């Protein structure tokens, strides 16, 4: 069969093919209506629209153009969905930040002002004197002293309390103090405001759970107290362990601290 005969045959078959597409479009429309008008799948809707549009095609060129347009629309829809979900992550972050600005940050500023004022009223000399006393025993050196340092001086000035300790105790005190930067945030967020987002993210989730009834009311306060208590136990263990490691390394290198 020659090329001209194939062209004539294709032209003769075009009306039959278009009629079949029209019939298929009607069947798809009826099926989509039986499912539900509002819940019909997007892919079925696209196929129905494409099949109905195909009935208006008068030649192979128009049909190819419709196929190309449909592929482009599907691709754009796919890219649009990706972009929408991508920017949605940052929109949620912005909403959380806006909640901090209107709720938590003003409270944080007031707390910082109040505790700085308290430090001035108590007097630095009294605070330093008690720090020297607390640094004499390991139990208080790695519990009370880091808590006082973070509470009164906040991060990073809290580490200056190490000046009241002997050289062999300073590495362990720093380990204890730096490990308490986050456990204190639940009750006293002024101690480390630069990293409040660590507790703030947990707090937002807990408040949503409290609002939905998944956890008891004021559960975040109870969790903050547990966080504080566990933090004291952890800094005690870390301080004593770091002190032992410091003493061991000094003896191996024959260094007197």
Protein backbone atom coordinates (compact mmCIF):
# COMPACT_ATOMS: atom_id res chain seq x y z
CA UNK A 1 0.00 0.00 0.00
CA UNK A 2 1.44 3.37 -1.04
CA UNK A 3 1.70 6.49 1.14
CA UNK A 4 -1.16 8.16 -0.70
CA UNK A 5 -3.40 5.18 -0.12
CA UNK A 6 -2.53 5.20 3.62
CA UNK A 7 -3.44 8.89 3.81
CA UNK A 8 -6.78 8.25 2.08
CA UNK A 9 -7.47 5.33 4.44
CA UNK A 10 -6.68 7.44 7.52
CA UNK A 11 -8.97 10.20 6.26
CA UNK A 12 -11.79 7.70 5.82
CA UNK A 13 -11.30 6.30 9.34
CA UNK A 14 -11.16 9.70 11.06
CA UNK A 15 -14.97 10.16 11.36
CA UNK A 16 -15.35 6.68 12.83
CA UNK A 17 -12.56 7.35 15.34
CA UNK A 18 -14.03 10.69 16.37
CA UNK A 19 -17.45 9.11 16.82
CA UNK A 20 -15.93 6.45 19.07
CA UNK A 21 -14.19 9.16 21.13
CA UNK A 22 -17.49 11.01 21.54
CA UNK A 23 -19.19 7.84 22.75
CA UNK A 24 -16.32 7.17 25.16
CA UNK A 25 -16.55 10.72 26.48
CA UNK A 26 -20.25 10.25 27.23
CA UNK A 27 -19.49 7.05 29.14
CA UNK A 28 -16.79 8.74 31.19
CA UNK A 29 -19.13 11.63 32.01
CA UNK A 30 -21.85 9.25 33.20
CA UNK A 31 -19.33 7.32 35.30
CA UNK A 32 -17.99 10.46 36.92
CA UNK A 33 -21.51 11.62 37.77
CA UNK A 34 -22.33 8.26 39.34
CA UNK A 35 -19.28 8.51 41.60
CA UNK A 36 -19.95 12.02 42.83
CA UNK A 37 -19.72 15.41 41.21
CA UNK A 38 -17.57 16.91 43.96
CA UNK A 39 -15.38 13.85 44.63
CA UNK A 40 -14.64 12.76 41.06
CA UNK A 41 -10.91 12.11 40.64
CA UNK A 42 -8.93 14.80 38.84
CA UNK A 43 -7.52 12.27 36.38
CA UNK A 44 -11.04 11.16 35.34
CA UNK A 45 -12.11 14.77 34.87
CA UNK A 46 -9.11 15.44 32.67
CA UNK A 47 -9.80 12.35 30.55
CA UNK A 48 -13.44 13.34 30.08
CA UNK A 49 -12.48 16.85 29.06
CA UNK A 50 -9.85 15.51 26.68
CA UNK A 51 -12.20 12.99 25.10
CA UNK A 52 -14.90 15.62 24.63
CA UNK A 53 -12.40 18.03 23.14
CA UNK A 54 -11.19 15.33 20.78
CA UNK A 55 -14.62 15.23 19.10
CA UNK A 56 -14.02 18.75 17.81
CA UNK A 57 -10.73 17.81 16.16
CA UNK A 58 -10.94 17.98 12.38
CA UNK A 59 -7.52 16.59 11.51
CA UNK A 60 -4.47 14.85 12.95
CA UNK A 61 -2.70 18.18 13.58
CA UNK A 62 -5.47 19.47 15.84
CA UNK A 63 -5.55 16.19 17.73
CA UNK A 64 -1.76 16.30 18.30
CA UNK A 65 -2.03 19.90 19.53
CA UNK A 66 -4.71 18.92 22.05
CA UNK A 67 -2.54 16.07 23.34
CA UNK A 68 0.41 18.44 23.77
CA UNK A 69 -1.71 21.02 25.62
CA UNK A 70 -3.09 18.38 27.96
CA UNK A 71 0.43 17.18 28.83
CA UNK A 72 1.54 20.74 29.52
CA UNK A 73 -1.45 21.40 31.79
CA UNK A 74 -0.79 18.23 33.77
CA UNK A 75 2.87 19.18 34.15
CA UNK A 76 2.01 22.69 35.32
CA UNK A 77 -0.47 21.26 37.85
CA UNK A 78 2.24 18.96 39.21
CA UNK A 79 4.73 21.82 39.54
CA UNK A 80 2.10 24.06 41.10
CA UNK A 81 1.33 21.48 43.79
CA UNK A 82 5.03 21.12 44.62
CA UNK A 83 5.43 24.89 44.89
CA UNK A 84 2.31 25.23 47.04
CA UNK A 85 3.43 22.60 49.55
CA UNK A 86 7.01 23.92 49.56
CA UNK A 87 6.02 27.47 50.44
CA UNK A 88 3.41 26.11 52.86
CA UNK A 89 6.19 24.88 55.16
CA UNK A 90 7.59 28.39 55.46
CA UNK A 91 4.13 29.88 55.88
CA UNK A 92 3.56 27.63 58.88
CA UNK A 93 6.92 28.73 60.26
CA UNK A 94 5.88 32.35 59.82
CA UNK A 95 2.62 31.73 61.67
CA UNK A 96 4.54 30.15 64.55
CA UNK A 97 6.93 33.09 64.67
CA UNK A 98 4.01 35.52 64.67
CA UNK A 99 2.62 33.63 67.66
CA UNK A 100 5.94 34.06 69.45
CA UNK A 101 6.00 37.80 68.73
CA UNK A 102 2.51 38.38 70.10
CA UNK A 103 2.64 35.91 73.00
CA UNK A 104 6.01 34.64 74.23
CA UNK A 105 8.58 37.29 73.31
CA UNK A 106 6.96 40.13 75.34
CA UNK A 107 6.82 37.82 78.37
CA UNK A 108 10.45 36.93 77.82
CA UNK A 109 11.52 40.58 77.73
CA UNK A 110 9.65 41.30 80.98
CA UNK A 111 11.27 38.27 82.65
CA UNK A 112 14.75 39.36 81.58
CA UNK A 113 14.17 42.85 82.95
CA UNK A 114 12.79 41.52 86.26
CA UNK A 115 15.64 39.09 86.93
CA UNK A 116 18.34 41.58 85.98
CA UNK A 117 16.75 43.96 88.45
CA UNK A 118 16.69 41.20 91.09
CA UNK A 119 20.39 40.59 90.57
CA UNK A 120 21.13 44.26 91.14
CA UNK A 121 18.98 44.36 94.28
CA UNK A 122 20.61 41.26 95.80
CA UNK A 123 24.05 42.58 94.94
CA UNK A 124 26.80 40.98 92.93
CA UNK A 125 29.05 40.58 95.97
CA UNK A 126 26.47 38.48 97.80
CA UNK A 127 25.90 36.34 94.72
CA UNK A 128 29.65 35.83 94.28
CA UNK A 129 30.09 34.97 97.95
CA UNK A 130 27.44 32.28 97.78
CA UNK A 131 29.03 30.98 94.58
CA UNK A 132 32.35 30.51 96.38
CA UNK A 133 30.58 28.62 99.15
CA UNK A 134 28.70 26.38 96.71
CA UNK A 135 31.89 25.54 94.83
CA UNK A 136 33.53 23.78 97.78
CA UNK A 137 31.58 20.51 97.55
CA UNK A 138 31.06 18.43 94.39
CA UNK A 139 27.33 17.99 95.06
CA UNK A 140 26.67 21.71 95.15
CA UNK A 141 29.44 22.58 92.70
CA UNK A 142 27.66 20.80 89.88
CA UNK A 143 24.07 21.48 90.86
CA UNK A 144 23.51 24.73 92.80
CA UNK A 145 26.40 26.64 91.25
CA UNK A 146 25.41 26.07 87.58
CA UNK A 147 21.76 26.81 88.41
CA UNK A 148 22.68 30.07 90.13
CA UNK A 149 25.02 31.00 87.32
CA UNK A 150 22.40 30.47 84.63
CA UNK A 151 19.64 32.08 86.70
CA UNK A 152 21.45 35.29 87.65
CA UNK A 153 24.00 35.82 84.89
CA UNK A 154 22.31 33.96 82.00
CA UNK A 155 24.10 32.56 78.96
CA UNK A 156 26.98 33.21 78.18
CA UNK A 157 27.99 35.23 81.27
CA UNK A 158 27.13 32.25 83.50
CA UNK A 159 30.47 30.61 82.77
CA UNK A 160 32.32 33.40 84.59
CA UNK A 161 31.30 31.73 87.87
CA UNK A 162 34.14 29.34 87.14
CA UNK A 163 36.57 31.97 88.42
CA UNK A 164 35.61 31.01 91.98
CA UNK A 165 36.77 27.41 91.44
CA UNK A 166 40.14 25.72 91.36
CA UNK A 167 41.64 25.00 87.96
CA UNK A 168 40.93 21.27 88.22
CA UNK A 169 37.21 21.98 88.69
CA UNK A 170 36.73 24.54 85.92
CA UNK A 171 36.29 22.09 82.95
CA UNK A 172 33.68 20.11 84.87
CA UNK A 173 31.83 23.27 85.92
CA UNK A 174 31.71 24.48 82.32
CA UNK A 175 30.33 21.11 81.22
CA UNK A 176 27.60 21.31 83.85
CA UNK A 177 26.70 24.92 83.13
CA UNK A 178 26.56 24.55 79.36
CA UNK A 179 24.42 21.41 79.73
CA UNK A 180 21.89 23.38 81.75
CA UNK A 181 21.29 26.00 79.06
CA UNK A 182 18.14 24.24 77.83
CA UNK A 183 16.58 22.48 80.87
CA UNK A 184 16.17 25.85 82.58
CA UNK A 185 14.21 27.35 79.67
CA UNK A 186 10.91 25.72 80.61
CA UNK A 187 10.65 27.68 83.89
CA UNK A 188 13.07 30.58 83.37
CA UNK A 189 13.35 31.42 79.66
CA UNK A 190 15.33 34.59 80.40
CA UNK A 191 18.40 32.43 81.12
CA UNK A 192 19.03 31.61 77.48
CA UNK A 193 16.73 33.68 75.25
CA UNK A 194 18.87 33.18 72.15
CA UNK A 195 17.95 29.49 72.07
CA UNK A 196 14.40 29.67 73.34
CA UNK A 197 13.16 28.08 70.12
CA UNK A 198 14.26 24.70 71.55
CA UNK A 199 11.63 24.84 74.27
CA UNK A 200 9.32 27.12 72.30
CA UNK A 201 8.74 24.49 69.62
CA UNK A 202 7.79 21.93 72.26
CA UNK A 203 5.57 24.47 74.01
CA UNK A 204 3.56 25.26 70.88
CA UNK A 205 2.87 21.56 70.29
CA UNK A 206 1.87 21.01 73.93
CA UNK A 207 -0.53 23.95 73.90
CA UNK A 208 -2.21 22.57 70.79
CA UNK A 209 -2.57 19.18 72.47
CA UNK A 210 -4.01 20.85 75.55
CA UNK A 211 -6.52 22.77 73.44
CA UNK A 212 -7.63 19.56 71.71
CA UNK A 213 -7.93 17.68 75.01
CA UNK A 214 -5.24 15.12 74.15
CA UNK A 215 -3.33 16.02 77.34
CA UNK A 216 -4.51 17.57 80.63
CA UNK A 217 -4.63 21.37 80.98
CA UNK A 218 -1.36 23.07 81.98
CA UNK A 219 0.53 19.94 81.08
CA UNK A 220 3.37 22.08 79.69
CA UNK A 221 4.05 23.44 83.19
CA UNK A 222 4.37 19.94 84.59
CA UNK A 223 6.69 18.94 81.76
CA UNK A 224 8.81 22.06 82.31
CA UNK A 225 9.28 21.10 85.97
CA UNK A 226 10.32 17.56 85.03
CA UNK A 227 12.66 18.99 82.40
CA UNK A 228 14.25 21.22 85.06
CA UNK A 229 14.63 18.37 87.58
CA UNK A 230 16.08 15.90 85.11
CA UNK A 231 18.46 18.61 83.93
CA UNK A 232 19.89 18.99 87.45
CA UNK A 233 20.52 15.24 87.68
CA UNK A 234 22.19 15.23 84.28
CA UNK A 235 24.51 18.16 85.01
CA UNK A 236 25.56 16.54 88.31
CA UNK A 237 26.53 13.32 86.52
CA UNK A 238 28.28 15.19 83.72
CA UNK A 239 30.19 17.38 86.15
CA UNK A 240 31.47 14.49 88.24
CA UNK A 241 32.38 12.47 85.16
CA UNK A 242 34.20 15.39 83.55
CA UNK A 243 36.07 16.08 86.78
CA UNK A 244 37.23 12.46 86.87
CA UNK A 245 38.32 12.56 83.22
CA UNK A 246 40.17 15.85 83.79
CA UNK A 247 42.05 14.40 86.76
CA UNK A 248 42.89 11.24 84.82
CA UNK A 249 44.23 13.10 81.79
CA UNK A 250 46.24 15.47 83.97
CA UNK A 251 47.90 12.57 85.77
CA UNK A 252 48.75 10.81 82.51
CA UNK A 253 50.36 13.95 81.10
CA UNK A 254 51.97 14.72 84.49
CA UNK A 255 50.26 18.09 84.73
CA UNK A 256 49.42 19.58 88.10
CA UNK A 257 46.19 21.55 88.12
